Amino acid sequence: MSIEIDIVNGEASRQRAEELFGAAGPDKPFWVHIKSASADLRVLIEADDGTLVCHAGVFFRSATWNGQKVHIGGVGAIVTRPDCRRRGYAGIALGAAVQTMRDHDAAQFAVLFCEPHLFEFYQSRGWRPFTGDIYVEQPTGRVRFEAMAPFVFDLKRRAPERGTLDLCGLPW
């Protein structure tokens, strides 16, 4: 088995990513009503035959933590084609996203949001729960974000695990 990993411009690769999202299954997630940010960069993993099998969005943002400006990275929309799951693609995509944020050298720590059935997956890869309050923008204004659980990861500094984190924009 060989794979190809590409880190590409988020907007330029959006259509290709959306095709994978559609192939991931017909079930609408419970958080489908949430307006989300578009990825700044995308990790795309292709199989030997060139088909896209996994995606991870990478985000960069100036946010605030306890009122202080911080530069953060984010990972979102990790999606693997159903017939390719349990082969390690999501872990590879997550690792490539983290390395991309490190290479970018601006993000102090990273944030992602996930559903309960994925807690173990992220914790086994060094992500820690953030138990404070998260605020995001939505069409109705600034709201406390409780749709999914936040996790943090150390990049340039130790990521905070509590306090108030305002993404100063849409969630991912």
Protein backbone atom coordinates (compact mmCIF):
# COMPACT_ATOMS: atom_id res chain seq x y z
CA MET A 1 0.00 0.00 0.00
CA SER A 2 1.29 3.44 -0.83
CA ILE A 3 -0.42 6.74 -0.23
CA GLU A 4 0.16 10.31 -1.24
CA ILE A 5 -0.29 13.17 1.20
CA ASP A 6 -0.85 16.66 -0.18
CA ILE A 7 -1.12 19.89 1.81
CA VAL A 8 -3.10 22.23 -0.42
CA ASN A 9 -4.82 25.62 -0.40
CA GLY A 10 -8.15 25.33 1.37
CA GLU A 11 -10.34 27.26 -1.04
CA ALA A 12 -8.76 25.85 -4.19
CA SER A 13 -9.37 22.28 -3.02
CA ARG A 14 -12.81 22.82 -1.50
CA GLN A 15 -14.79 21.09 -4.26
CA ARG A 16 -12.65 17.96 -4.07
CA ALA A 17 -13.04 17.84 -0.29
CA GLU A 18 -16.81 18.29 -0.54
CA GLU A 19 -17.00 15.28 -2.85
CA LEU A 20 -15.39 13.21 -0.10
CA PHE A 21 -17.76 14.65 2.49
CA GLY A 22 -20.68 13.52 0.34
CA ALA A 23 -19.20 10.04 -0.04
CA ALA A 24 -18.72 9.74 3.73
CA GLY A 25 -22.34 8.82 4.21
CA PRO A 26 -25.89 10.08 3.91
CA ASP A 27 -26.43 10.65 7.65
CA LYS A 28 -26.51 14.30 8.61
CA PRO A 29 -24.55 14.94 11.81
CA PHE A 30 -26.38 16.58 14.71
CA TRP A 31 -24.23 19.70 14.29
CA VAL A 32 -25.11 20.29 10.62
CA HIS A 33 -26.95 23.52 11.57
CA ILE A 34 -23.69 25.15 12.74
CA LYS A 35 -22.02 27.57 10.33
CA SER A 36 -18.35 26.59 10.10
CA ALA A 37 -15.23 28.27 8.77
CA SER A 38 -13.57 27.18 5.54
CA ALA A 39 -10.18 25.55 5.92
CA ASP A 40 -7.09 27.64 5.25
CA LEU A 41 -5.23 24.51 4.18
CA ARG A 42 -6.28 20.90 3.60
CA VAL A 43 -4.50 17.61 4.14
CA LEU A 44 -5.61 15.27 1.35
CA ILE A 45 -4.67 11.60 1.35
CA GLU A 46 -4.95 9.65 -1.86
CA ALA A 47 -4.81 5.89 -2.37
CA ASP A 48 -2.64 4.17 -4.99
CA ASP A 49 -5.28 4.74 -7.66
CA GLY A 50 -5.47 8.49 -6.98
CA THR A 51 -8.83 8.44 -5.23
CA LEU A 52 -9.23 10.73 -2.26
CA VAL A 53 -9.63 8.62 0.88
CA CYS A 54 -9.15 11.09 3.75
CA HIS A 55 -9.29 14.82 4.48
CA ALA A 56 -8.34 17.09 7.38
CA GLY A 57 -8.90 20.84 7.38
CA VAL A 58 -6.22 23.10 8.89
CA PHE A 59 -7.14 26.51 10.29
CA PHE A 60 -5.16 29.50 11.58
CA ARG A 61 -6.75 32.18 13.72
CA SER A 62 -6.08 35.07 16.04
CA ALA A 63 -8.23 34.34 19.09
CA THR A 64 -8.34 35.36 22.73
CA TRP A 65 -7.73 33.25 25.80
CA ASN A 66 -8.79 34.89 29.07
CA GLY A 67 -8.82 38.22 27.23
CA GLN A 68 -5.27 37.92 25.86
CA LYS A 69 -4.64 37.66 22.11
CA VAL A 70 -3.26 34.27 21.02
CA HIS A 71 -2.52 32.76 17.64
CA ILE A 72 -4.00 29.30 17.39
CA GLY A 73 -4.24 26.51 14.90
CA GLY A 74 -7.18 24.23 14.39
CA VAL A 75 -8.03 20.88 12.86
CA GLY A 76 -11.49 20.06 11.61
CA ALA A 77 -13.52 17.98 9.21
CA ILE A 78 -11.37 14.88 9.48
CA VAL A 79 -13.25 12.59 7.15
CA THR A 80 -12.34 9.15 5.80
CA ARG A 81 -14.22 7.38 3.04
CA PRO A 82 -16.32 4.62 4.70
CA ASP A 83 -14.74 1.76 2.76
CA CYS A 84 -11.27 2.98 3.80
CA ARG A 85 -11.80 3.37 7.54
CA ARG A 86 -9.75 1.59 10.20
CA ARG A 87 -6.61 1.67 8.05
CA GLY A 88 -4.88 4.56 9.84
CA TYR A 89 -5.69 7.32 7.36
CA ALA A 90 -7.28 9.65 9.92
CA GLY A 91 -4.27 9.32 12.22
CA ILE A 92 -1.93 10.08 9.33
CA ALA A 93 -4.03 13.10 8.30
CA LEU A 94 -4.12 14.38 11.89
CA GLY A 95 -0.33 14.00 12.18
CA ALA A 96 0.19 15.85 8.91
CA ALA A 97 -2.16 18.64 10.08
CA VAL A 98 -0.22 19.03 13.34
CA GLN A 99 3.10 19.09 11.48
CA THR A 100 1.70 21.71 9.09
CA MET A 101 0.71 23.92 12.02
CA ARG A 102 4.18 23.48 13.53
CA ASP A 103 5.81 24.36 10.21
CA HIS A 104 3.60 27.43 9.92
CA ASP A 105 5.30 28.62 13.15
CA ALA A 106 2.56 31.07 14.10
CA ALA A 107 0.13 28.94 16.10
CA GLN A 108 0.89 28.70 19.80
CA PHE A 109 -1.45 25.74 20.36
CA ALA A 110 -4.13 23.87 18.46
CA VAL A 111 -7.85 23.29 19.01
CA LEU A 112 -10.27 20.76 17.57
CA PHE A 113 -13.86 19.79 18.30
CA CYS A 114 -15.17 16.25 18.32
CA GLU A 115 -18.03 13.97 19.21
CA PRO A 116 -17.83 11.66 22.26
CA HIS A 117 -17.17 8.47 20.29
CA LEU A 118 -13.88 10.05 19.07
CA PHE A 119 -12.47 11.14 22.46
CA GLU A 120 -10.22 8.09 22.79
CA PHE A 121 -8.85 8.51 19.25
CA TYR A 122 -7.70 12.08 19.93
CA GLN A 123 -6.53 11.49 23.49
CA SER A 124 -4.36 8.59 22.32
CA ARG A 125 -2.62 11.07 19.99
CA GLY A 126 -1.82 13.65 22.68
CA TRP A 127 -4.90 15.89 22.51
CA ARG A 128 -6.33 16.95 25.89
CA PRO A 129 -9.86 18.06 26.80
CA PHE A 130 -10.41 21.79 27.22
CA THR A 131 -12.83 22.20 30.12
CA GLY A 132 -13.34 25.96 29.96
CA ASP A 133 -15.77 28.02 27.93
CA ILE A 134 -15.49 28.39 24.15
CA TYR A 135 -17.11 31.26 22.26
CA VAL A 136 -17.60 31.44 18.50
CA GLU A 137 -19.39 33.59 15.95
CA GLN A 138 -22.61 32.40 14.34
CA PRO A 139 -25.11 34.26 12.14
CA THR A 140 -26.96 35.22 15.35
CA GLY A 141 -23.80 36.70 16.92
CA ARG A 142 -21.28 35.56 19.51
CA VAL A 143 -22.41 32.33 21.24
CA ARG A 144 -21.04 29.83 23.71
CA PHE A 145 -20.07 26.75 21.69
CA GLU A 146 -21.34 23.51 23.20
CA ALA A 147 -22.16 21.40 20.14
CA MET A 148 -18.98 19.34 20.35
CA ALA A 149 -16.23 18.83 22.91
CA PRO A 150 -13.07 20.94 22.54
CA PHE A 151 -9.62 19.38 22.70
CA VAL A 152 -6.25 21.17 22.72
CA PHE A 153 -2.73 20.25 21.63
CA ASP A 154 0.64 21.82 22.47
CA LEU A 155 2.52 23.48 19.62
CA LYS A 156 4.82 26.40 20.57
CA ARG A 157 3.54 26.50 24.16
CA ARG A 158 1.52 24.36 26.53
CA ALA A 159 -2.12 24.59 25.51
CA PRO A 160 -4.48 25.84 28.19
CA GLU A 161 -7.00 23.31 29.48
CA ARG A 162 -9.42 25.76 31.10
CA GLY A 163 -10.38 29.41 31.00
CA THR A 164 -12.28 31.29 28.32
CA LEU A 165 -11.29 30.82 24.70
CA ASP A 166 -12.94 33.04 22.08
CA LEU A 167 -12.25 31.90 18.53
CA CYS A 168 -13.16 35.40 17.28
CA GLY A 169 -14.84 33.82 14.28
CA LEU A 170 -16.65 30.75 13.05
CA PRO A 171 -15.78 27.34 14.52
CA TRP A 172 -14.21 24.60 12.43
